[in-house]
Amino acid sequence: MKKSGKYIISKKIDGVFTTLYDVYRFLLRFFKEVLFPPYEFKELVKQCYDIGYKSLPLITLTGFITGLVFTKQSRPSLAEFGAASWLPSLVSIAIIRALAPLVTALIAAGKVGSQIGAELGSMKVTEQIDAMEVSGTNPFKFLVVTRMIATTFMIPILAIYTGVVALAGSFINVTQNEQTSFSSFVESSLQNISFLDLFSSVIKATLFGFTIGAVGCYQGYNSSKGTEGVGKAANSAVVVSMFLIFIEEILVVQVVNAIR
């Protein structure tokens, strides 16, 4: 029994290191392919449209509710100390520094990550990727590189949009309760926001976007076992992306706080 247990543990450890090596090779191939022609601009634009524009309804609803609810929940605590006037500043700091990129990335991980994993997984198990190689097309550049670039580029844009929509939701709640004018709300919101806050937010969103694209493409491109593998690829793309996003959030916050 001891030998059997040790064998199982050893096999799992070997599997972890094998997966890490495969991920390393996958990312290395991406950086090699992205630098050299041919460039699939048409497919890249299509992926940006699918990832960015088609995500707007969900992002808009989520961002608006986030700003509205966060403002509503924060008011009693500030009012208790007679600091309700600080509400726009508090909300803007929370949204710009953390909520906008994080909420956008989590929504995209669920929608975009699962979509990429399932799409590439179905192409893999139905041998469409093999057919592309036979026809002379580079499937890695056409399928993987375009999607990873699109997520890396579009998630920061969606995060900025989420921040604007969230602040709009916050403004509606503030103006209903405190009768604050739009100009006063904007002035109070931007009062304590620095360039470092904006820069770190964009960097985080870019890193999150790259992670979502890389995980979704890796899981889908390397799926197997038929339809079961497609479902597993979509599920793994979401779970692993969200896990890595939280890890990256912690690391970036530590770095930014050290700089600040």
C-alpha atoms as a PDB file:
ATOM      1  CA  MET A   1       0.000   0.000   0.000  1.00  0.00           C
ATOM      2  CA  LYS A   2       2.831   2.411   0.812  1.00  0.00           C
ATOM      3  CA  LYS A   3       4.487   1.744  -2.506  1.00  0.00           C
ATOM      4  CA  SER A   4       1.184   2.231  -4.301  1.00  0.00           C
ATOM      5  CA  GLY A   5       0.589   5.522  -2.476  1.00  0.00           C
ATOM      6  CA  LYS A   6       4.087   6.773  -3.205  1.00  0.00           C
ATOM      7  CA  TYR A   7       3.687   5.784  -6.861  1.00  0.00           C
ATOM      8  CA  ILE A   8       0.429   7.732  -7.155  1.00  0.00           C
ATOM      9  CA  ILE A   9       1.939  10.824  -5.514  1.00  0.00           C
ATOM     10  CA  SER A  10       5.042  10.591  -7.709  1.00  0.00           C
ATOM     11  CA  LYS A  11       2.881  10.244 -10.814  1.00  0.00           C
ATOM     12  CA  LYS A  12       0.847  13.324  -9.860  1.00  0.00           C
ATOM     13  CA  ILE A  13       4.005  15.360  -9.251  1.00  0.00           C
ATOM     14  CA  ASP A  14       5.368  14.254 -12.628  1.00  0.00           C
ATOM     15  CA  GLY A  15       2.062  15.287 -14.201  1.00  0.00           C
ATOM     16  CA  VAL A  16       2.278  18.771 -12.648  1.00  0.00           C
ATOM     17  CA  PHE A  17       5.808  19.365 -13.956  1.00  0.00           C
ATOM     18  CA  THR A  18       4.862  17.970 -17.370  1.00  0.00           C
ATOM     19  CA  THR A  19       1.916  20.383 -17.548  1.00  0.00           C
ATOM     20  CA  LEU A  20       4.117  23.322 -16.517  1.00  0.00           C
ATOM     21  CA  TYR A  21       6.611  22.405 -19.241  1.00  0.00           C
ATOM     22  CA  ASP A  22       3.815  22.158 -21.819  1.00  0.00           C
ATOM     23  CA  VAL A  23       2.521  25.586 -20.758  1.00  0.00           C
ATOM     24  CA  TYR A  24       6.044  27.010 -21.065  1.00  0.00           C
ATOM     25  CA  ARG A  25       6.388  25.616 -24.591  1.00  0.00           C
ATOM     26  CA  PHE A  26       2.915  26.898 -25.492  1.00  0.00           C
ATOM     27  CA  LEU A  27       3.703  30.454 -24.358  1.00  0.00           C
ATOM     28  CA  LEU A  28       7.145  30.354 -25.973  1.00  0.00           C
ATOM     29  CA  ARG A  29       5.575  29.345 -29.271  1.00  0.00           C
ATOM     30  CA  PHE A  30       3.061  32.200 -28.958  1.00  0.00           C
ATOM     31  CA  PHE A  31       5.798  34.828 -28.544  1.00  0.00           C
ATOM     32  CA  LYS A  32       7.661  33.342 -31.522  1.00  0.00           C
ATOM     33  CA  GLU A  33       4.594  33.243 -33.765  1.00  0.00           C
ATOM     34  CA  VAL A  34       3.397  36.744 -32.866  1.00  0.00           C
ATOM     35  CA  LEU A  35       6.616  38.370 -34.072  1.00  0.00           C
ATOM     36  CA  PHE A  36       6.801  36.923 -37.568  1.00  0.00           C
ATOM     37  CA  PRO A  37       4.451  37.144 -40.581  1.00  0.00           C
ATOM     38  CA  PRO A  38       2.009  36.240 -41.944  1.00  0.00           C
ATOM     39  CA  TYR A  39      -0.294  38.264 -39.697  1.00  0.00           C
ATOM     40  CA  GLU A  40      -3.961  37.300 -39.515  1.00  0.00           C
ATOM     41  CA  PHE A  41      -5.396  40.827 -39.274  1.00  0.00           C
ATOM     42  CA  LYS A  42      -8.869  39.870 -40.497  1.00  0.00           C
ATOM     43  CA  GLU A  43      -9.227  37.123 -37.892  1.00  0.00           C
ATOM     44  CA  LEU A  44      -7.784  39.415 -35.217  1.00  0.00           C
ATOM     45  CA  VAL A  45     -10.418  42.077 -35.935  1.00  0.00           C
ATOM     46  CA  LYS A  46     -13.130  39.402 -35.829  1.00  0.00           C
ATOM     47  CA  GLN A  47     -11.921  38.159 -32.443  1.00  0.00           C
ATOM     48  CA  CYS A  48     -11.754  41.716 -31.063  1.00  0.00           C
ATOM     49  CA  TYR A  49     -15.346  42.206 -32.185  1.00  0.00           C
ATOM     50  CA  ASP A  50     -16.497  38.917 -30.630  1.00  0.00           C
ATOM     51  CA  ILE A  51     -14.630  39.482 -27.357  1.00  0.00           C
ATOM     52  CA  GLY A  52     -15.224  43.217 -27.012  1.00  0.00           C
ATOM     53  CA  TYR A  53     -18.448  44.311 -28.665  1.00  0.00           C
ATOM     54  CA  LYS A  54     -20.445  41.164 -27.912  1.00  0.00           C
ATOM     55  CA  SER A  55     -19.494  41.392 -24.238  1.00  0.00           C
ATOM     56  CA  LEU A  56     -20.806  44.962 -23.851  1.00  0.00           C
ATOM     57  CA  PRO A  57     -24.379  44.126 -22.717  1.00  0.00           C
ATOM     58  CA  LEU A  58     -23.183  41.850 -19.898  1.00  0.00           C
ATOM     59  CA  ILE A  59     -20.333  44.190 -18.940  1.00  0.00           C
ATOM     60  CA  THR A  60     -22.670  47.202 -18.936  1.00  0.00           C
ATOM     61  CA  LEU A  61     -25.211  45.537 -16.664  1.00  0.00           C
ATOM     62  CA  THR A  62     -22.572  44.168 -14.299  1.00  0.00           C
ATOM     63  CA  GLY A  63     -20.623  47.437 -14.087  1.00  0.00           C
ATOM     64  CA  PHE A  64     -23.721  49.548 -13.487  1.00  0.00           C
ATOM     65  CA  ILE A  65     -25.014  47.259 -10.727  1.00  0.00           C
ATOM     66  CA  THR A  66     -21.554  47.101  -9.134  1.00  0.00           C
ATOM     67  CA  GLY A  67     -21.313  50.886  -8.847  1.00  0.00           C
ATOM     68  CA  LEU A  68     -24.904  51.265  -7.685  1.00  0.00           C
ATOM     69  CA  VAL A  69     -24.770  48.521  -5.030  1.00  0.00           C
ATOM     70  CA  PHE A  70     -21.301  49.440  -3.739  1.00  0.00           C
ATOM     71  CA  THR A  71     -22.408  53.057  -3.266  1.00  0.00           C
ATOM     72  CA  LYS A  72     -25.619  52.034  -1.560  1.00  0.00           C
ATOM     73  CA  GLN A  73     -23.806  49.652   0.820  1.00  0.00           C
ATOM     74  CA  SER A  74     -21.040  52.154   1.647  1.00  0.00           C
ATOM     75  CA  ARG A  75     -23.333  55.063   2.540  1.00  0.00           C
ATOM     76  CA  PRO A  76     -24.478  53.887   6.007  1.00  0.00           C
ATOM     77  CA  SER A  77     -20.906  53.335   7.214  1.00  0.00           C
ATOM     78  CA  LEU A  78     -19.756  56.795   6.092  1.00  0.00           C
ATOM     79  CA  ALA A  79     -22.924  58.499   7.312  1.00  0.00           C
ATOM     80  CA  GLU A  80     -22.367  57.004  10.757  1.00  0.00           C
ATOM     81  CA  PHE A  81     -19.153  59.022  11.017  1.00  0.00           C
ATOM     82  CA  GLY A  82     -20.588  62.100   9.314  1.00  0.00           C
ATOM     83  CA  ALA A  83     -18.460  61.556   6.196  1.00  0.00           C
ATOM     84  CA  ALA A  84     -21.142  60.983   3.553  1.00  0.00           C
ATOM     85  CA  SER A  85     -19.546  63.702   1.416  1.00  0.00           C
ATOM     86  CA  TRP A  86     -16.557  61.386   0.927  1.00  0.00           C
ATOM     87  CA  LEU A  87     -18.724  58.768  -0.781  1.00  0.00           C
ATOM     88  CA  PRO A  88     -17.875  59.691  -4.422  1.00  0.00           C
ATOM     89  CA  SER A  89     -14.154  59.656  -3.609  1.00  0.00           C
ATOM     90  CA  LEU A  90     -14.373  56.301  -1.834  1.00  0.00           C
ATOM     91  CA  VAL A  91     -16.359  54.697  -4.630  1.00  0.00           C
ATOM     92  CA  SER A  92     -14.084  55.999  -7.381  1.00  0.00           C
ATOM     93  CA  ILE A  93     -10.959  54.752  -5.595  1.00  0.00           C
ATOM     94  CA  ALA A  94     -12.474  51.300  -5.094  1.00  0.00           C
ATOM     95  CA  ILE A  95     -13.749  51.064  -8.676  1.00  0.00           C
ATOM     96  CA  ILE A  96     -10.673  52.380 -10.457  1.00  0.00           C
ATOM     97  CA  ARG A  97      -8.067  50.644  -8.310  1.00  0.00           C
ATOM     98  CA  ALA A  98      -9.707  47.243  -7.973  1.00  0.00           C
ATOM     99  CA  LEU A  99     -13.311  46.617  -8.975  1.00  0.00           C
ATOM    100  CA  ALA A 100     -13.272  47.673 -12.644  1.00  0.00           C
ATOM    101  CA  PRO A 101     -10.395  45.442 -13.832  1.00  0.00           C
ATOM    102  CA  LEU A 102     -11.263  42.584 -11.480  1.00  0.00           C
ATOM    103  CA  VAL A 103     -14.990  42.446 -12.248  1.00  0.00           C
ATOM    104  CA  THR A 104     -14.311  42.757 -15.980  1.00  0.00           C
ATOM    105  CA  ALA A 105     -11.743  39.958 -15.875  1.00  0.00           C
ATOM    106  CA  LEU A 106     -14.016  37.613 -13.917  1.00  0.00           C
ATOM    107  CA  ILE A 107     -16.928  38.226 -16.280  1.00  0.00           C
ATOM    108  CA  ALA A 108     -14.649  37.729 -19.291  1.00  0.00           C
ATOM    109  CA  ALA A 109     -13.173  34.561 -17.794  1.00  0.00           C
ATOM    110  CA  GLY A 110     -16.656  33.102 -17.550  1.00  0.00           C
ATOM    111  CA  LYS A 111     -17.901  34.266 -20.930  1.00  0.00           C
ATOM    112  CA  VAL A 112     -14.850  34.604 -23.169  1.00  0.00           C
ATOM    113  CA  GLY A 113     -12.585  31.994 -21.535  1.00  0.00           C
ATOM    114  CA  SER A 114     -15.189  29.234 -21.689  1.00  0.00           C
ATOM    115  CA  GLN A 115     -16.083  30.210 -25.257  1.00  0.00           C
ATOM    116  CA  ILE A 116     -12.466  29.997 -26.420  1.00  0.00           C
ATOM    117  CA  GLY A 117     -11.881  26.705 -24.603  1.00  0.00           C
ATOM    118  CA  ALA A 118     -15.026  25.107 -26.013  1.00  0.00           C
ATOM    119  CA  GLU A 119     -14.483  26.455 -29.542  1.00  0.00           C
ATOM    120  CA  LEU A 120     -10.878  25.312 -29.864  1.00  0.00           C
ATOM    121  CA  GLY A 121     -11.659  22.079 -28.026  1.00  0.00           C
ATOM    122  CA  SER A 122     -14.411  21.162 -30.481  1.00  0.00           C
ATOM    123  CA  MET A 123     -12.117  21.989 -33.400  1.00  0.00           C
ATOM    124  CA  LYS A 124      -9.415  19.796 -31.859  1.00  0.00           C
ATOM    125  CA  VAL A 125     -11.564  16.718 -31.259  1.00  0.00           C
ATOM    126  CA  THR A 126     -13.245  16.971 -34.686  1.00  0.00           C
ATOM    127  CA  GLU A 127      -9.783  17.189 -36.309  1.00  0.00           C
ATOM    128  CA  GLN A 128     -10.445  20.584 -37.889  1.00  0.00           C
ATOM    129  CA  ILE A 129      -7.080  21.804 -36.579  1.00  0.00           C
ATOM    130  CA  ASP A 130      -5.345  18.873 -38.288  1.00  0.00           C
ATOM    131  CA  ALA A 131      -7.206  19.705 -41.493  1.00  0.00           C
ATOM    132  CA  MET A 132      -5.926  23.287 -41.319  1.00  0.00           C
ATOM    133  CA  GLU A 133      -2.350  22.028 -41.068  1.00  0.00           C
ATOM    134  CA  VAL A 134      -2.868  19.788 -44.103  1.00  0.00           C
ATOM    135  CA  SER A 135      -4.285  22.704 -46.106  1.00  0.00           C
ATOM    136  CA  GLY A 136      -1.159  24.781 -45.427  1.00  0.00           C
ATOM    137  CA  THR A 137      -2.631  27.126 -42.814  1.00  0.00           C
ATOM    138  CA  ASN A 138      -0.813  27.662 -39.537  1.00  0.00           C
ATOM    139  CA  PRO A 139      -3.597  26.820 -37.048  1.00  0.00           C
ATOM    140  CA  PHE A 140      -1.637  28.073 -34.044  1.00  0.00           C
ATOM    141  CA  LYS A 141      -1.197  31.531 -35.539  1.00  0.00           C
ATOM    142  CA  PHE A 142      -4.743  31.665 -36.910  1.00  0.00           C
ATOM    143  CA  LEU A 143      -6.557  30.307 -33.854  1.00  0.00           C
ATOM    144  CA  VAL A 144      -4.348  30.906 -30.819  1.00  0.00           C
ATOM    145  CA  VAL A 145      -2.302  34.034 -31.537  1.00  0.00           C
ATOM    146  CA  THR A 146      -5.295  36.071 -32.727  1.00  0.00           C
ATOM    147  CA  ARG A 147      -7.391  35.150 -29.682  1.00  0.00           C
ATOM    148  CA  MET A 148      -4.629  35.850 -27.176  1.00  0.00           C
ATOM    149  CA  ILE A 149      -3.860  39.234 -28.726  1.00  0.00           C
ATOM    150  CA  ALA A 150      -7.578  40.075 -28.839  1.00  0.00           C
ATOM    151  CA  THR A 151      -8.132  39.303 -25.144  1.00  0.00           C
ATOM    152  CA  THR A 152      -4.960  41.153 -24.143  1.00  0.00           C
ATOM    153  CA  PHE A 153      -6.090  44.227 -26.086  1.00  0.00           C
ATOM    154  CA  MET A 154      -9.833  44.212 -25.406  1.00  0.00           C
ATOM    155  CA  ILE A 155      -9.999  43.435 -21.669  1.00  0.00           C
ATOM    156  CA  PRO A 156      -8.294  46.768 -20.696  1.00  0.00           C
ATOM    157  CA  ILE A 157     -10.748  48.639 -22.939  1.00  0.00           C
ATOM    158  CA  LEU A 158     -13.667  46.787 -21.359  1.00  0.00           C
ATOM    159  CA  ALA A 159     -12.233  47.514 -17.889  1.00  0.00           C
ATOM    160  CA  ILE A 160     -12.152  51.258 -18.630  1.00  0.00           C
ATOM    161  CA  TYR A 161     -15.720  51.047 -19.904  1.00  0.00           C
ATOM    162  CA  THR A 162     -16.746  49.125 -16.774  1.00  0.00           C
ATOM    163  CA  GLY A 163     -15.238  51.855 -14.596  1.00  0.00           C
ATOM    164  CA  VAL A 164     -17.183  54.571 -16.425  1.00  0.00           C
ATOM    165  CA  VAL A 165     -20.459  52.641 -16.227  1.00  0.00           C
ATOM    166  CA  ALA A 166     -19.904  51.804 -12.547  1.00  0.00           C
ATOM    167  CA  LEU A 167     -19.301  55.472 -11.743  1.00  0.00           C
ATOM    168  CA  ALA A 168     -22.485  56.317 -13.653  1.00  0.00           C
ATOM    169  CA  GLY A 169     -24.395  53.897 -11.441  1.00  0.00           C
ATOM    170  CA  SER A 170     -22.766  55.439  -8.390  1.00  0.00           C
ATOM    171  CA  PHE A 171     -23.674  58.953  -9.538  1.00  0.00           C
ATOM    172  CA  ILE A 172     -27.342  58.025  -9.914  1.00  0.00           C
ATOM    173  CA  ASN A 173     -27.446  56.720  -6.353  1.00  0.00           C
ATOM    174  CA  VAL A 174     -25.538  59.702  -4.945  1.00  0.00           C
ATOM    175  CA  THR A 175     -27.597  62.320  -6.728  1.00  0.00           C
ATOM    176  CA  GLN A 176     -30.842  60.687  -5.581  1.00  0.00           C
ATOM    177  CA  ASN A 177     -29.814  60.782  -1.935  1.00  0.00           C
ATOM    178  CA  GLU A 178     -27.542  63.835  -1.628  1.00  0.00           C
ATOM    179  CA  GLN A 179     -28.743  65.884  -4.652  1.00  0.00           C
ATOM    180  CA  THR A 180     -25.120  66.172  -5.766  1.00  0.00           C
ATOM    181  CA  SER A 181     -24.551  67.806  -9.155  1.00  0.00           C
ATOM    182  CA  PHE A 182     -22.685  65.991 -11.908  1.00  0.00           C
ATOM    183  CA  SER A 183     -19.737  68.410 -11.839  1.00  0.00           C
ATOM    184  CA  SER A 184     -19.396  68.096  -8.047  1.00  0.00           C
ATOM    185  CA  PHE A 185     -19.531  64.301  -8.299  1.00  0.00           C
ATOM    186  CA  VAL A 186     -16.826  64.195 -10.977  1.00  0.00           C
ATOM    187  CA  GLU A 187     -14.613  66.614  -9.047  1.00  0.00           C
ATOM    188  CA  SER A 188     -14.960  64.599  -5.831  1.00  0.00           C
ATOM    189  CA  SER A 189     -14.419  61.301  -7.648  1.00  0.00           C
ATOM    190  CA  LEU A 190     -11.188  62.355  -9.325  1.00  0.00           C
ATOM    191  CA  GLN A 191      -9.803  64.262  -6.360  1.00  0.00           C
ATOM    192  CA  ASN A 192      -7.798  61.365  -4.923  1.00  0.00           C
ATOM    193  CA  ILE A 193      -7.126  59.418  -8.132  1.00  0.00           C
ATOM    194  CA  SER A 194      -3.500  59.470  -9.247  1.00  0.00           C
ATOM    195  CA  PHE A 195      -1.802  58.491 -12.486  1.00  0.00           C
ATOM    196  CA  LEU A 196      -0.414  55.423 -10.703  1.00  0.00           C
ATOM    197  CA  ASP A 197      -3.966  54.270  -9.958  1.00  0.00           C
ATOM    198  CA  LEU A 198      -4.982  54.529 -13.615  1.00  0.00           C
ATOM    199  CA  PHE A 199      -1.748  52.988 -14.881  1.00  0.00           C
ATOM    200  CA  SER A 200      -1.860  50.046 -12.473  1.00  0.00           C
ATOM    201  CA  SER A 201      -5.513  49.408 -13.331  1.00  0.00           C
ATOM    202  CA  VAL A 202      -4.727  49.217 -17.059  1.00  0.00           C
ATOM    203  CA  ILE A 203      -1.702  47.005 -16.426  1.00  0.00           C
ATOM    204  CA  LYS A 204      -3.782  44.641 -14.312  1.00  0.00           C
ATOM    205  CA  ALA A 205      -6.502  44.455 -16.945  1.00  0.00           C
ATOM    206  CA  THR A 206      -3.894  43.754 -19.658  1.00  0.00           C
ATOM    207  CA  LEU A 207      -2.357  40.991 -17.567  1.00  0.00           C
ATOM    208  CA  PHE A 208      -5.794  39.541 -16.839  1.00  0.00           C
ATOM    209  CA  GLY A 209      -6.670  39.616 -20.537  1.00  0.00           C
ATOM    210  CA  PHE A 210      -3.480  37.800 -21.504  1.00  0.00           C
ATOM    211  CA  THR A 211      -4.143  35.193 -18.821  1.00  0.00           C
ATOM    212  CA  ILE A 212      -7.717  34.571 -19.979  1.00  0.00           C
ATOM    213  CA  GLY A 213      -6.611  34.183 -23.589  1.00  0.00           C
ATOM    214  CA  ALA A 214      -3.636  31.973 -22.764  1.00  0.00           C
ATOM    215  CA  VAL A 215      -5.559  29.630 -20.463  1.00  0.00           C
ATOM    216  CA  GLY A 216      -8.566  29.346 -22.782  1.00  0.00           C
ATOM    217  CA  CYS A 217      -6.410  28.681 -25.832  1.00  0.00           C
ATOM    218  CA  TYR A 218      -4.156  26.203 -24.028  1.00  0.00           C
ATOM    219  CA  GLN A 219      -7.057  24.204 -22.620  1.00  0.00           C
ATOM    220  CA  GLY A 220      -8.918  24.119 -25.929  1.00  0.00           C
ATOM    221  CA  TYR A 221      -5.902  23.545 -28.190  1.00  0.00           C
ATOM    222  CA  ASN A 222      -4.730  20.597 -26.086  1.00  0.00           C
ATOM    223  CA  SER A 223      -8.112  18.995 -25.346  1.00  0.00           C
ATOM    224  CA  SER A 224      -8.830  15.335 -26.058  1.00  0.00           C
ATOM    225  CA  LYS A 225     -11.337  12.531 -25.303  1.00  0.00           C
ATOM    226  CA  GLY A 226     -14.089  13.742 -27.588  1.00  0.00           C
ATOM    227  CA  THR A 227     -17.063  15.748 -26.318  1.00  0.00           C
ATOM    228  CA  GLU A 228     -16.025  15.074 -22.726  1.00  0.00           C
ATOM    229  CA  GLY A 229     -12.741  16.855 -23.435  1.00  0.00           C
ATOM    230  CA  VAL A 230     -14.580  19.875 -24.868  1.00  0.00           C
ATOM    231  CA  GLY A 231     -16.607  20.314 -21.683  1.00  0.00           C
ATOM    232  CA  LYS A 232     -13.519  19.813 -19.553  1.00  0.00           C
ATOM    233  CA  ALA A 233     -11.586  22.380 -21.603  1.00  0.00           C
ATOM    234  CA  ALA A 234     -14.339  24.991 -21.196  1.00  0.00           C
ATOM    235  CA  ASN A 235     -14.640  24.338 -17.462  1.00  0.00           C
ATOM    236  CA  SER A 236     -10.873  24.349 -16.884  1.00  0.00           C
ATOM    237  CA  ALA A 237     -10.507  27.585 -18.846  1.00  0.00           C
ATOM    238  CA  VAL A 238     -12.884  29.347 -16.448  1.00  0.00           C
ATOM    239  CA  VAL A 239     -11.615  27.834 -13.187  1.00  0.00           C
ATOM    240  CA  VAL A 240      -7.898  28.204 -13.907  1.00  0.00           C
ATOM    241  CA  SER A 241      -8.328  31.729 -15.310  1.00  0.00           C
ATOM    242  CA  MET A 242     -10.177  32.927 -12.218  1.00  0.00           C
ATOM    243  CA  PHE A 243      -7.615  31.338  -9.907  1.00  0.00           C
ATOM    244  CA  LEU A 244      -4.702  32.990 -11.735  1.00  0.00           C
ATOM    245  CA  ILE A 245      -6.534  36.327 -11.871  1.00  0.00           C
ATOM    246  CA  PHE A 246      -6.826  36.423  -8.081  1.00  0.00           C
ATOM    247  CA  ILE A 247      -3.153  35.478  -7.703  1.00  0.00           C
ATOM    248  CA  GLU A 248      -2.124  38.220 -10.147  1.00  0.00           C
ATOM    249  CA  GLU A 249      -4.370  40.716  -8.345  1.00  0.00           C
ATOM    250  CA  ILE A 250      -2.575  40.052  -5.077  1.00  0.00           C
ATOM    251  CA  LEU A 251       0.882  40.325  -6.670  1.00  0.00           C
ATOM    252  CA  VAL A 252       0.137  43.541  -8.582  1.00  0.00           C
ATOM    253  CA  VAL A 253      -1.399  45.166  -5.499  1.00  0.00           C
ATOM    254  CA  GLN A 254       1.726  44.355  -3.489  1.00  0.00           C
ATOM    255  CA  VAL A 255       3.973  45.848  -6.175  1.00  0.00           C
ATOM    256  CA  VAL A 256       1.851  48.997  -6.565  1.00  0.00           C
ATOM    257  CA  ASN A 257       1.678  49.524  -2.807  1.00  0.00           C
ATOM    258  CA  ALA A 258       5.463  49.193  -2.598  1.00  0.00           C
ATOM    259  CA  ILE A 259       5.829  51.853  -5.321  1.00  0.00           C
ATOM    260  CA  ARG A 260       3.234  54.115  -3.724  1.00  0.00           C
END
